[in-house]
N, C-alpha and C. Protein backbone atom coordinates (compact mmCIF):
# COMPACT_ATOMS: atom_id res chain seq x y z
N MET A 1 -26.76 -14.61 -13.57
CA MET A 1 -25.33 -14.76 -13.70
C MET A 1 -24.95 -14.77 -15.18
N ALA A 2 -25.19 -13.67 -15.79
CA ALA A 2 -24.94 -13.57 -17.22
C ALA A 2 -23.46 -13.68 -17.52
N GLY A 3 -23.17 -14.21 -18.69
CA GLY A 3 -21.79 -14.31 -19.14
C GLY A 3 -21.08 -15.58 -18.74
N LEU A 4 -21.72 -16.42 -17.97
CA LEU A 4 -21.10 -17.68 -17.55
C LEU A 4 -21.56 -18.80 -18.47
N GLU A 5 -20.65 -19.66 -18.84
CA GLU A 5 -20.99 -20.78 -19.71
C GLU A 5 -21.61 -21.91 -18.88
N PRO A 6 -22.76 -22.43 -19.27
CA PRO A 6 -23.37 -23.55 -18.54
C PRO A 6 -22.61 -24.84 -18.80
N SER A 7 -22.62 -25.72 -17.79
CA SER A 7 -21.96 -27.00 -17.98
C SER A 7 -22.94 -28.04 -18.52
N ILE A 8 -24.22 -27.86 -18.24
CA ILE A 8 -25.22 -28.82 -18.68
C ILE A 8 -26.44 -28.04 -19.18
N SER A 9 -26.95 -28.45 -20.30
CA SER A 9 -28.19 -27.91 -20.81
C SER A 9 -29.03 -29.10 -21.23
N ALA A 10 -30.15 -29.31 -20.57
CA ALA A 10 -30.96 -30.49 -20.85
C ALA A 10 -32.35 -30.09 -21.28
N GLU A 11 -32.85 -30.71 -22.33
CA GLU A 11 -34.20 -30.47 -22.78
C GLU A 11 -35.17 -31.23 -21.86
N CYS A 12 -36.15 -30.53 -21.34
CA CYS A 12 -37.16 -31.13 -20.46
C CYS A 12 -38.52 -30.80 -21.03
N GLY A 13 -38.96 -31.59 -22.00
CA GLY A 13 -40.22 -31.30 -22.66
C GLY A 13 -40.08 -30.02 -23.46
N ASP A 14 -40.88 -29.00 -23.11
CA ASP A 14 -40.79 -27.73 -23.82
C ASP A 14 -39.91 -26.72 -23.08
N ARG A 15 -39.17 -27.18 -22.05
CA ARG A 15 -38.30 -26.30 -21.28
C ARG A 15 -36.86 -26.79 -21.36
N THR A 16 -35.93 -25.90 -21.14
CA THR A 16 -34.52 -26.25 -21.07
C THR A 16 -34.01 -25.89 -19.69
N GLN A 17 -33.37 -26.83 -19.03
CA GLN A 17 -32.78 -26.60 -17.71
C GLN A 17 -31.29 -26.40 -17.89
N VAL A 18 -30.76 -25.31 -17.39
CA VAL A 18 -29.34 -25.01 -17.50
C VAL A 18 -28.74 -25.02 -16.10
N ILE A 19 -27.66 -25.77 -15.92
CA ILE A 19 -26.96 -25.84 -14.65
C ILE A 19 -25.63 -25.14 -14.81
N ASP A 20 -25.37 -24.15 -13.99
CA ASP A 20 -24.15 -23.37 -14.06
C ASP A 20 -23.07 -24.02 -13.19
N PRO A 21 -21.85 -24.15 -13.70
CA PRO A 21 -20.79 -24.82 -12.92
C PRO A 21 -20.40 -24.06 -11.66
N ASN A 22 -20.74 -22.80 -11.55
CA ASN A 22 -20.40 -22.02 -10.36
C ASN A 22 -21.32 -22.31 -9.19
N TYR A 23 -22.45 -22.94 -9.44
CA TYR A 23 -23.37 -23.28 -8.36
C TYR A 23 -22.86 -24.48 -7.56
N GLY A 24 -22.34 -25.45 -8.22
CA GLY A 24 -21.98 -26.70 -7.59
C GLY A 24 -22.72 -27.82 -8.28
N THR A 25 -22.74 -28.96 -7.67
CA THR A 25 -23.38 -30.11 -8.31
C THR A 25 -24.77 -30.33 -7.75
N LEU A 26 -25.68 -30.74 -8.61
CA LEU A 26 -27.06 -30.97 -8.22
C LEU A 26 -27.22 -32.29 -7.47
N ALA A 27 -26.28 -33.19 -7.64
CA ALA A 27 -26.32 -34.48 -6.95
C ALA A 27 -25.47 -34.42 -5.68
N ASP A 28 -25.97 -35.01 -4.61
CA ASP A 28 -25.21 -35.12 -3.37
C ASP A 28 -24.50 -36.47 -3.39
N SER A 29 -23.20 -36.43 -3.58
CA SER A 29 -22.41 -37.66 -3.73
C SER A 29 -21.55 -37.95 -2.49
N GLU A 30 -21.94 -37.45 -1.35
CA GLU A 30 -21.16 -37.59 -0.12
C GLU A 30 -20.93 -39.06 0.28
N HIS A 31 -21.74 -39.96 -0.20
CA HIS A 31 -21.59 -41.37 0.16
C HIS A 31 -20.56 -42.09 -0.72
N ARG A 32 -20.03 -41.43 -1.75
CA ARG A 32 -19.15 -42.11 -2.70
C ARG A 32 -17.65 -41.96 -2.50
N PRO A 33 -17.13 -40.97 -1.80
CA PRO A 33 -15.67 -40.81 -1.72
C PRO A 33 -14.92 -42.02 -1.16
N ARG A 34 -15.58 -42.85 -0.41
CA ARG A 34 -14.91 -44.03 0.17
C ARG A 34 -14.29 -44.93 -0.89
N TYR A 35 -14.83 -44.89 -2.10
CA TYR A 35 -14.29 -45.72 -3.18
C TYR A 35 -12.98 -45.18 -3.74
N LEU A 36 -12.66 -43.95 -3.39
CA LEU A 36 -11.46 -43.31 -3.94
C LEU A 36 -10.41 -43.00 -2.88
N GLN A 37 -10.61 -43.46 -1.66
CA GLN A 37 -9.72 -43.11 -0.56
C GLN A 37 -8.47 -43.98 -0.47
N SER A 38 -8.49 -45.14 -1.07
CA SER A 38 -7.30 -45.99 -1.02
C SER A 38 -6.37 -45.65 -2.19
N LYS A 39 -5.16 -46.19 -2.15
CA LYS A 39 -4.20 -45.92 -3.22
C LYS A 39 -4.73 -46.42 -4.57
N LEU A 40 -5.38 -47.58 -4.56
CA LEU A 40 -5.99 -48.13 -5.78
C LEU A 40 -7.45 -47.69 -5.82
N LYS A 41 -7.76 -46.71 -6.66
CA LYS A 41 -9.10 -46.14 -6.75
C LYS A 41 -10.06 -47.11 -7.43
N ASN A 42 -11.26 -47.24 -6.88
CA ASN A 42 -12.27 -48.11 -7.45
C ASN A 42 -13.29 -47.25 -8.20
N TRP A 43 -12.91 -46.78 -9.39
CA TRP A 43 -13.75 -45.90 -10.17
C TRP A 43 -15.04 -46.59 -10.62
N LYS A 44 -14.98 -47.88 -10.89
CA LYS A 44 -16.18 -48.60 -11.33
C LYS A 44 -17.25 -48.55 -10.23
N ALA A 45 -16.85 -48.84 -8.99
CA ALA A 45 -17.80 -48.79 -7.88
C ALA A 45 -18.25 -47.35 -7.60
N PHE A 46 -17.33 -46.40 -7.72
CA PHE A 46 -17.67 -44.99 -7.52
C PHE A 46 -18.75 -44.56 -8.49
N ASN A 47 -18.57 -44.90 -9.76
CA ASN A 47 -19.56 -44.52 -10.77
C ASN A 47 -20.87 -45.28 -10.61
N LYS A 48 -20.81 -46.54 -10.26
CA LYS A 48 -22.02 -47.34 -10.06
C LYS A 48 -22.84 -46.80 -8.89
N ALA A 49 -22.15 -46.35 -7.85
CA ALA A 49 -22.83 -45.82 -6.65
C ALA A 49 -23.55 -44.51 -6.94
N MET A 50 -23.30 -43.92 -8.12
CA MET A 50 -23.97 -42.68 -8.50
C MET A 50 -25.49 -42.85 -8.48
N LEU A 51 -25.95 -44.07 -8.70
CA LEU A 51 -27.39 -44.34 -8.69
C LEU A 51 -28.01 -44.05 -7.33
N GLY A 52 -27.19 -44.03 -6.28
CA GLY A 52 -27.68 -43.75 -4.93
C GLY A 52 -27.57 -42.29 -4.53
N ASP A 53 -27.10 -41.44 -5.44
CA ASP A 53 -27.00 -40.01 -5.13
C ASP A 53 -28.39 -39.44 -4.87
N THR A 54 -28.44 -38.51 -3.95
CA THR A 54 -29.68 -37.81 -3.67
C THR A 54 -29.55 -36.36 -4.16
N LEU A 55 -30.63 -35.64 -4.09
CA LEU A 55 -30.65 -34.25 -4.53
C LEU A 55 -29.90 -33.37 -3.53
N ASN A 56 -29.01 -32.54 -4.02
CA ASN A 56 -28.33 -31.55 -3.19
C ASN A 56 -29.30 -30.40 -3.01
N GLU A 57 -29.99 -30.37 -1.87
CA GLU A 57 -31.07 -29.42 -1.64
C GLU A 57 -30.61 -27.96 -1.71
N ASP A 58 -29.40 -27.67 -1.26
CA ASP A 58 -28.91 -26.29 -1.31
C ASP A 58 -28.79 -25.79 -2.75
N ILE A 59 -28.25 -26.63 -3.61
CA ILE A 59 -28.10 -26.24 -5.02
C ILE A 59 -29.47 -26.20 -5.70
N ALA A 60 -30.34 -27.14 -5.37
CA ALA A 60 -31.69 -27.14 -5.94
C ALA A 60 -32.42 -25.86 -5.55
N TRP A 61 -32.24 -25.39 -4.33
CA TRP A 61 -32.87 -24.15 -3.88
C TRP A 61 -32.37 -22.97 -4.72
N ILE A 62 -31.06 -22.91 -4.97
CA ILE A 62 -30.51 -21.82 -5.79
C ILE A 62 -31.11 -21.84 -7.19
N ILE A 63 -31.19 -23.01 -7.78
CA ILE A 63 -31.73 -23.13 -9.13
C ILE A 63 -33.21 -22.73 -9.15
N ARG A 64 -33.96 -23.20 -8.16
CA ARG A 64 -35.39 -22.83 -8.11
C ARG A 64 -35.58 -21.34 -7.93
N SER A 65 -34.72 -20.70 -7.15
CA SER A 65 -34.86 -19.27 -6.88
C SER A 65 -34.50 -18.42 -8.10
N GLU A 66 -33.79 -19.00 -9.06
CA GLU A 66 -33.40 -18.28 -10.28
C GLU A 66 -34.52 -18.25 -11.30
N ARG A 67 -35.55 -19.03 -11.11
CA ARG A 67 -36.65 -19.12 -12.10
C ARG A 67 -37.45 -17.86 -12.16
């Protein structure tokens, strides 16, 4: 996908991992929207719950297949 600007570039030892914003997110955050569904959003809890995110296998598959 040449010509697209990456959203994240992380150094991993002697390799660099680039995540393209057109793929989607690598984290599965489906368990977190409940913190934002009320009129008063609980951003602190939403962000804290990020620690429970799991790998988004579909996006991970796309990234692995690009190697």
